[in-house]
Amino acid sequence: MSLNHRVVLARRPTSLPVESDFALDAAPAPTPAAGQILVRTLYVSIDPGMRGWLLDAPNYSAPVPVGGPMRSFGIGEVAESHNPAYAVGDLIVGMTGWQEWVVLDPTDVQRRIPAGSGPLSAHLGVLGLTGLTAYVGMLEIGAPQPGETVLVSTAAGAVGSVAGQLAAIAGARTVGLTGSEEKRRLLLDRFGFDAAINYRSEPDLAAAIGRECPTGVDVYFDSVGGSMLDAALQHVNVGARVPVCGTIGLPPGAVADGPRPERTILVKRLRVQGFIATDHFDRFDEIAGRLTDWLDSGRLTHLEEIAPALADAPGALVRQLAGENLGRSLVRIAADQPLSLSRP
């Protein structure tokens, strides 16, 4: 272990990233100091929030530095420990970045993966930050009740597909928004949505939402913002809840134009709440345990798309931001890990 192969940010994008914004390099392998652990990266995640991490603009975390490894969550195996809380062989989820080896402080570790707790790769998806985001946003902020109508944006994506299934477990009627006919069928046939809308084929998205939500919308799970949020707000009921976990529909680094929502928020007495899943790490094990129970019982399903090698990470990000991926997007870093651990 003399070299650490990494994917680094070669230049800062000003809009959506392209593959040439990144470069593959090799640096000396890191050495842990007292209190630290050396981790061999097994899988890394591809997340929509990476678009914001790359821009030199205000965000909830500092921009990825040019020349540094791309920031990402990952699953890793402890290879060397100088911390009594971790043993060699422990599997952890933490901020590994796009690289083969990383030194982590305990504060960089989200959680230790319990033995036998579902497929390993699922801990970057339905049992990981994806599941945590869907659970907090849907069940705690959205709080759907039996018989209510829940509308989910990017519903065929990793977070949206879990959020919709959690709404169904709570007894709500679920309607998903997605960007292709293939994904619309996926929502109906695999994830069990009651109705689904391909927004790209609808000349009037607001009218389509009204058609599929004839009694109005009680919860709108928003990870998009922009014109999609504008269309959804035309159909919210009095007292509706709008959990907001993303703004991928807004132009990168720019101020969006659009209708002002204040009157709708007031008249419909809406609760609009933004949230960041990392604020809820103290409850990760509790929530992951509940999601594991639903996964094991068959009430919850998931879909993964796993790229085979570190060098494929930039392309996987470009695919996701273009809406071309199906399910949770991951990259396999360690060659001895299986390409797919998806459940049927």
Protein backbone atom coordinates (compact mmCIF):
# COMPACT_ATOMS: atom_id res chain seq x y z
CA MET A 1 0.00 0.00 0.00
CA SER A 2 2.36 2.74 -1.22
CA LEU A 3 -0.06 4.76 -3.36
CA ASN A 4 -3.56 6.07 -2.87
CA HIS A 5 -5.46 6.37 -6.15
CA ARG A 6 -7.92 9.26 -6.07
CA VAL A 7 -10.35 11.20 -8.24
CA VAL A 8 -9.64 14.89 -7.64
CA LEU A 9 -11.34 18.09 -8.72
CA ALA A 10 -9.23 19.38 -11.62
CA ARG A 11 -11.17 22.59 -12.19
CA ARG A 12 -14.18 24.18 -10.57
CA PRO A 13 -17.37 23.99 -12.65
CA THR A 14 -19.56 27.05 -12.98
CA SER A 15 -22.64 25.05 -13.92
CA LEU A 16 -23.33 21.32 -14.02
CA PRO A 17 -20.07 19.34 -13.79
CA VAL A 18 -18.65 17.36 -16.71
CA GLU A 19 -16.23 14.44 -16.56
CA SER A 20 -13.27 16.60 -17.61
CA ASP A 21 -13.69 18.66 -14.41
CA PHE A 22 -12.10 15.69 -12.60
CA ALA A 23 -8.80 13.83 -12.89
CA LEU A 24 -7.45 10.51 -11.65
CA ASP A 25 -4.21 10.78 -9.69
CA ALA A 26 -2.07 8.87 -7.19
CA ALA A 27 -0.75 10.31 -3.93
CA PRO A 28 1.27 8.76 -1.13
CA ALA A 29 -0.90 6.56 1.06
CA PRO A 30 -1.92 8.37 4.26
CA THR A 31 -0.68 7.38 7.71
CA PRO A 32 -2.95 7.61 10.75
CA ALA A 33 -1.89 9.59 13.81
CA ALA A 34 -2.89 9.00 17.41
CA GLY A 35 -6.67 8.74 17.73
CA GLN A 36 -7.19 8.16 14.00
CA ILE A 37 -8.04 5.15 11.83
CA LEU A 38 -6.87 4.14 8.36
CA VAL A 39 -9.78 3.02 6.21
CA ARG A 40 -9.82 1.07 2.96
CA THR A 41 -12.70 2.39 0.86
CA LEU A 42 -15.11 -0.24 -0.47
CA TYR A 43 -17.97 1.82 -1.97
CA VAL A 44 -18.68 5.53 -2.41
CA SER A 45 -21.98 7.26 -3.02
CA ILE A 46 -23.03 9.61 -5.81
CA ASP A 47 -25.36 12.30 -4.45
CA PRO A 48 -27.26 15.22 -6.02
CA GLY A 49 -25.86 17.48 -3.30
CA MET A 50 -22.42 17.10 -4.88
CA ARG A 51 -23.39 19.75 -7.41
CA GLY A 52 -23.52 22.29 -4.59
CA TRP A 53 -20.29 21.01 -2.99
CA LEU A 54 -18.42 21.77 -6.23
CA LEU A 55 -19.58 25.37 -6.63
CA ASP A 56 -17.82 28.34 -5.08
CA ALA A 57 -21.06 29.57 -3.56
CA PRO A 58 -22.62 29.69 -0.08
CA ASN A 59 -23.69 26.23 1.07
CA TYR A 60 -23.96 24.17 4.24
CA SER A 61 -20.39 22.91 3.68
CA ALA A 62 -17.24 24.46 2.19
CA PRO A 63 -16.56 23.89 -1.53
CA VAL A 64 -14.39 20.93 -2.50
CA PRO A 65 -10.89 22.40 -3.04
CA VAL A 66 -9.42 22.26 -6.52
CA GLY A 67 -6.76 19.55 -6.51
CA GLY A 68 -8.36 17.71 -3.60
CA PRO A 69 -10.29 14.43 -3.72
CA MET A 70 -13.98 14.74 -4.44
CA ARG A 71 -15.99 14.73 -1.21
CA SER A 72 -18.36 11.79 -0.78
CA PHE A 73 -19.79 9.44 1.75
CA GLY A 74 -18.44 5.92 1.59
CA ILE A 75 -18.29 2.50 3.19
CA GLY A 76 -14.88 1.39 4.35
CA GLU A 77 -13.05 -1.27 6.32
CA VAL A 78 -10.70 -0.29 9.14
CA ALA A 79 -7.19 -1.42 8.12
CA GLU A 80 -5.21 0.18 10.95
CA SER A 81 -6.49 1.69 14.19
CA HIS A 82 -4.93 4.10 16.64
CA ASN A 83 -8.26 4.57 18.40
CA PRO A 84 -9.59 2.11 21.00
CA ALA A 85 -13.16 2.61 19.77
CA TYR A 86 -12.36 0.91 16.43
CA ALA A 87 -10.82 -2.46 15.63
CA VAL A 88 -9.17 -3.68 12.46
CA GLY A 89 -11.91 -5.18 10.28
CA ASP A 90 -14.70 -2.90 11.51
CA LEU A 91 -16.98 -1.68 8.72
CA ILE A 92 -17.88 2.00 8.89
CA VAL A 93 -19.78 4.67 6.99
CA GLY A 94 -18.02 8.02 6.81
CA MET A 95 -16.76 10.87 4.65
CA THR A 96 -14.22 8.87 2.66
CA GLY A 97 -14.09 10.85 -0.57
CA TRP A 98 -13.36 9.38 -3.99
CA GLN A 99 -10.15 7.55 -3.05
CA GLU A 100 -8.87 4.10 -2.13
CA TRP A 101 -7.51 4.96 1.32
CA VAL A 102 -8.43 7.63 3.85
CA VAL A 103 -7.45 8.58 7.38
CA LEU A 104 -10.45 9.46 9.51
CA ASP A 105 -10.95 11.06 12.89
CA PRO A 106 -13.87 9.68 14.94
CA THR A 107 -15.87 12.81 14.03
CA ASP A 108 -15.61 11.82 10.33
CA VAL A 109 -17.39 8.49 10.97
CA GLN A 110 -21.18 8.46 10.76
CA ARG A 111 -21.67 5.02 12.21
CA ARG A 112 -20.28 1.52 12.52
CA ILE A 113 -22.20 -1.01 10.43
CA PRO A 114 -23.66 -3.72 12.68
CA ALA A 115 -22.86 -7.30 11.70
CA GLY A 116 -25.55 -8.97 9.59
CA SER A 117 -27.58 -5.77 9.10
CA GLY A 118 -28.65 -6.05 5.47
CA PRO A 119 -26.59 -5.88 2.25
CA LEU A 120 -23.36 -3.92 2.74
CA SER A 121 -23.98 -1.47 -0.11
CA ALA A 122 -27.45 -0.68 1.28
CA HIS A 123 -25.76 1.26 4.08
CA LEU A 124 -25.05 3.98 1.52
CA GLY A 125 -28.67 3.86 0.40
CA VAL A 126 -31.88 2.71 1.99
CA LEU A 127 -30.11 1.90 5.29
CA GLY A 128 -27.84 4.94 5.08
CA LEU A 129 -28.09 8.67 4.45
CA THR A 130 -30.70 8.07 1.75
CA GLY A 131 -32.99 6.26 4.17
CA LEU A 132 -32.32 8.78 6.93
CA THR A 133 -33.28 11.65 4.61
CA ALA A 134 -36.47 9.93 3.47
CA TYR A 135 -37.47 8.93 7.01
CA VAL A 136 -36.95 12.34 8.63
CA GLY A 137 -38.48 14.27 5.76
CA MET A 138 -41.47 12.05 5.13
CA LEU A 139 -42.45 10.54 8.47
CA GLU A 140 -41.38 13.29 10.87
CA ILE A 141 -41.82 16.52 8.90
CA GLY A 142 -44.38 15.39 6.32
CA ALA A 143 -46.18 13.16 8.85
CA PRO A 144 -48.66 11.63 6.35
CA GLN A 145 -51.90 10.29 7.77
CA PRO A 146 -54.01 7.38 6.48
CA GLY A 147 -56.04 8.47 3.46
CA GLU A 148 -54.01 11.61 2.74
CA THR A 149 -52.37 12.26 -0.64
CA VAL A 150 -48.59 12.50 -0.80
CA LEU A 151 -46.78 13.90 -3.85
CA VAL A 152 -43.07 13.07 -4.21
CA SER A 153 -40.58 14.82 -6.51
CA THR A 154 -37.76 12.84 -8.20
CA ALA A 155 -39.74 9.86 -6.98
CA ALA A 156 -37.73 7.20 -8.84
CA GLY A 157 -34.49 8.43 -7.28
CA ALA A 158 -32.85 6.95 -4.22
CA VAL A 159 -34.47 9.27 -1.65
CA GLY A 160 -37.79 9.76 -3.43
CA SER A 161 -38.46 6.05 -3.92
CA VAL A 162 -37.91 5.37 -0.20
CA ALA A 163 -39.95 8.42 0.82
CA GLY A 164 -42.91 7.27 -1.26
CA GLN A 165 -42.80 3.77 0.19
CA LEU A 166 -42.68 5.18 3.73
CA ALA A 167 -45.75 7.28 2.96
CA ALA A 168 -47.53 4.14 1.77
CA ILE A 169 -46.52 2.30 4.96
CA ALA A 170 -48.16 5.19 6.86
CA GLY A 171 -51.39 4.58 4.91
CA ALA A 172 -51.26 7.48 2.46
CA ARG A 173 -52.01 7.53 -1.26
CA THR A 174 -48.75 8.15 -3.15
CA VAL A 175 -48.17 10.03 -6.41
CA GLY A 176 -44.68 10.30 -7.90
CA LEU A 177 -43.08 12.79 -10.28
CA THR A 178 -40.31 11.51 -12.53
CA GLY A 179 -38.61 12.27 -15.84
CA SER A 180 -39.13 9.30 -18.15
CA GLU A 181 -41.65 6.65 -19.08
CA GLU A 182 -39.26 3.92 -17.88
CA LYS A 183 -39.08 5.54 -14.45
CA ARG A 184 -42.83 6.13 -14.37
CA ARG A 185 -43.39 2.39 -14.84
CA LEU A 186 -40.73 1.70 -12.19
CA LEU A 187 -42.68 3.77 -9.68
CA LEU A 188 -45.86 1.82 -10.33
CA ASP A 189 -44.47 -1.68 -10.76
CA ARG A 190 -41.55 -1.81 -8.31
CA PHE A 191 -42.07 0.90 -5.71
CA GLY A 192 -45.85 0.60 -5.44
CA PHE A 193 -46.90 4.20 -6.08
CA ASP A 194 -50.62 4.64 -6.68
CA ALA A 195 -50.01 7.02 -9.58
CA ALA A 196 -47.01 8.47 -11.39
CA ILE A 197 -46.42 11.44 -13.70
CA ASN A 198 -43.70 11.76 -16.34
CA TYR A 199 -43.28 15.51 -16.11
CA ARG A 200 -41.33 15.66 -19.36
CA SER A 201 -44.33 14.39 -21.32
CA GLU A 202 -46.84 16.77 -19.72
CA PRO A 203 -47.41 20.14 -21.42
CA ASP A 204 -48.92 21.48 -18.19
CA LEU A 205 -47.43 19.92 -15.06
CA ALA A 206 -49.82 21.70 -12.71
CA ALA A 207 -52.79 20.31 -14.64
CA ALA A 208 -51.28 16.80 -14.50
CA ILE A 209 -50.84 17.06 -10.73
CA GLY A 210 -54.46 18.16 -10.43
CA ARG A 211 -55.55 15.17 -12.52
CA GLU A 212 -53.68 12.63 -10.38
CA CYS A 213 -54.38 14.36 -7.04
CA PRO A 214 -58.10 15.18 -7.38
CA THR A 215 -58.53 15.77 -3.62
CA GLY A 216 -55.41 17.94 -3.38
CA VAL A 217 -51.95 17.38 -1.92
CA ASP A 218 -51.44 16.97 1.84
CA VAL A 219 -47.67 16.35 1.75
CA TYR A 220 -45.27 17.46 -0.98
CA PHE A 221 -41.81 15.93 -0.55
CA ASP A 222 -39.58 18.43 -2.35
CA SER A 223 -36.04 17.76 -3.50
CA VAL A 224 -36.26 19.94 -6.62
CA GLY A 225 -37.69 23.42 -5.99
CA GLY A 226 -38.16 25.73 -8.97
CA SER A 227 -41.03 25.30 -11.40
CA MET A 228 -41.91 21.85 -10.02
CA LEU A 229 -42.53 23.34 -6.59
CA ASP A 230 -44.57 26.13 -8.21
CA ALA A 231 -46.80 23.53 -9.89
CA ALA A 232 -47.22 21.46 -6.73
CA LEU A 233 -48.18 24.50 -4.62
CA GLN A 234 -51.17 25.10 -6.89
CA HIS A 235 -52.78 21.96 -5.44
CA VAL A 236 -51.82 21.89 -1.75
CA ASN A 237 -54.59 21.54 0.79
CA VAL A 238 -55.02 23.66 3.90
CA GLY A 239 -52.48 22.50 6.48
CA ALA A 240 -50.25 20.71 3.96
CA ARG A 241 -46.65 19.95 4.86
CA VAL A 242 -43.72 20.57 2.51
CA PRO A 243 -40.42 18.99 3.65
CA VAL A 244 -37.56 20.38 1.52
CA CYS A 245 -34.36 18.35 1.17
CA GLY A 246 -32.95 19.67 -2.12
CA THR A 247 -33.10 22.37 -4.78
CA ILE A 248 -31.73 20.57 -7.84
CA GLY A 249 -34.28 22.36 -10.06
CA LEU A 250 -32.75 25.77 -9.39
CA PRO A 251 -30.02 27.15 -11.67
CA PRO A 252 -26.55 26.48 -10.19
CA GLY A 253 -25.16 29.52 -8.38
CA ALA A 254 -27.99 31.80 -9.53
CA VAL A 255 -31.18 33.27 -8.14
CA ALA A 256 -34.28 31.60 -9.56
CA ASP A 257 -37.23 33.50 -11.00
CA GLY A 258 -40.77 32.38 -10.39
CA PRO A 259 -44.05 33.04 -8.58
CA ARG A 260 -43.88 34.26 -5.02
CA PRO A 261 -45.25 31.54 -2.67
CA GLU A 262 -45.94 33.68 0.41
CA ARG A 263 -49.68 34.08 -0.20
CA THR A 264 -50.12 30.33 -0.70
CA ILE A 265 -48.13 29.60 2.45
CA LEU A 266 -50.34 31.98 4.43
CA VAL A 267 -53.76 31.13 3.02
CA LYS A 268 -53.18 27.37 3.01
CA ARG A 269 -51.41 27.50 6.40
CA LEU A 270 -48.53 25.45 5.03
CA ARG A 271 -45.60 24.11 7.00
CA VAL A 272 -42.54 24.40 4.76
CA GLN A 273 -39.41 23.06 6.44
CA GLY A 274 -35.95 22.59 5.04
CA PHE A 275 -33.77 19.96 6.63
CA ILE A 276 -30.31 18.44 6.31
CA ALA A 277 -30.08 14.74 7.14
CA THR A 278 -26.66 15.13 8.74
CA ASP A 279 -28.33 17.06 11.56
CA HIS A 280 -29.94 13.76 12.62
CA PHE A 281 -26.85 11.53 12.84
CA ASP A 282 -27.42 11.09 16.58
CA ARG A 283 -30.48 8.96 15.70
CA PHE A 284 -28.91 7.05 12.80
CA ASP A 285 -28.89 3.61 14.45
CA GLU A 286 -32.47 3.96 15.69
CA ILE A 287 -33.82 4.95 12.27
CA ALA A 288 -31.66 2.45 10.36
CA GLY A 289 -33.02 -0.29 12.63
CA ARG A 290 -36.61 0.56 11.69
CA LEU A 291 -35.73 0.70 8.00
CA THR A 292 -33.96 -2.67 8.28
CA ASP A 293 -37.11 -4.23 9.76
CA TRP A 294 -39.22 -2.95 6.85
CA LEU A 295 -36.60 -4.09 4.34
CA ASP A 296 -36.41 -7.57 5.87
CA SER A 297 -40.20 -7.89 5.95
CA GLY A 298 -40.54 -6.94 2.27
CA ARG A 299 -42.50 -3.74 2.97
CA LEU A 300 -39.58 -1.69 1.64
CA THR A 301 -37.55 -2.33 -1.50
CA HIS A 302 -34.64 -0.55 -3.13
CA LEU A 303 -32.71 -0.38 -6.38
CA GLU A 304 -28.99 0.21 -6.86
CA GLU A 305 -26.83 1.12 -9.85
CA ILE A 306 -23.19 0.34 -9.08
CA ALA A 307 -20.35 1.56 -11.32
CA PRO A 308 -17.45 -0.92 -11.36
CA ALA A 309 -14.35 1.20 -10.60
CA LEU A 310 -13.04 4.43 -9.06
CA ALA A 311 -12.39 5.99 -12.47
CA ASP A 312 -16.11 5.67 -13.25
CA ALA A 313 -17.14 8.06 -10.45
CA PRO A 314 -17.20 11.31 -12.52
CA GLY A 315 -19.34 9.68 -15.20
CA ALA A 316 -21.71 8.33 -12.57
CA LEU A 317 -22.16 11.85 -11.17
CA VAL A 318 -22.82 13.31 -14.63
CA ARG A 319 -25.39 10.57 -15.28
CA GLN A 320 -27.18 11.24 -12.02
CA LEU A 321 -27.37 14.99 -12.49
CA ALA A 322 -28.79 14.34 -15.98
CA GLY A 323 -31.43 12.05 -14.46
CA GLU A 324 -30.14 8.98 -16.31
CA ASN A 325 -29.51 6.70 -13.32
CA LEU A 326 -31.98 4.18 -11.92
CA GLY A 327 -32.12 3.99 -8.13
CA ARG A 328 -29.22 4.60 -5.77
CA SER A 329 -25.98 5.44 -7.58
CA LEU A 330 -22.80 3.96 -6.09
CA VAL A 331 -19.24 3.29 -7.22
CA ARG A 332 -17.29 0.18 -6.26
CA ILE A 333 -13.78 1.13 -5.14
CA ALA A 334 -12.35 -2.16 -3.84
CA ALA A 335 -12.03 -4.71 -6.65
CA ASP A 336 -12.94 -7.63 -4.38
CA GLN A 337 -16.42 -6.25 -3.64
CA PRO A 338 -19.37 -7.61 -5.69
CA LEU A 339 -20.80 -5.36 -8.37
CA SER A 340 -24.39 -5.65 -7.15
CA LEU A 341 -26.00 -6.46 -3.86
CA SER A 342 -29.52 -5.33 -4.80
CA ARG A 343 -32.42 -7.25 -3.37
CA PRO A 344 -35.03 -8.62 -5.78
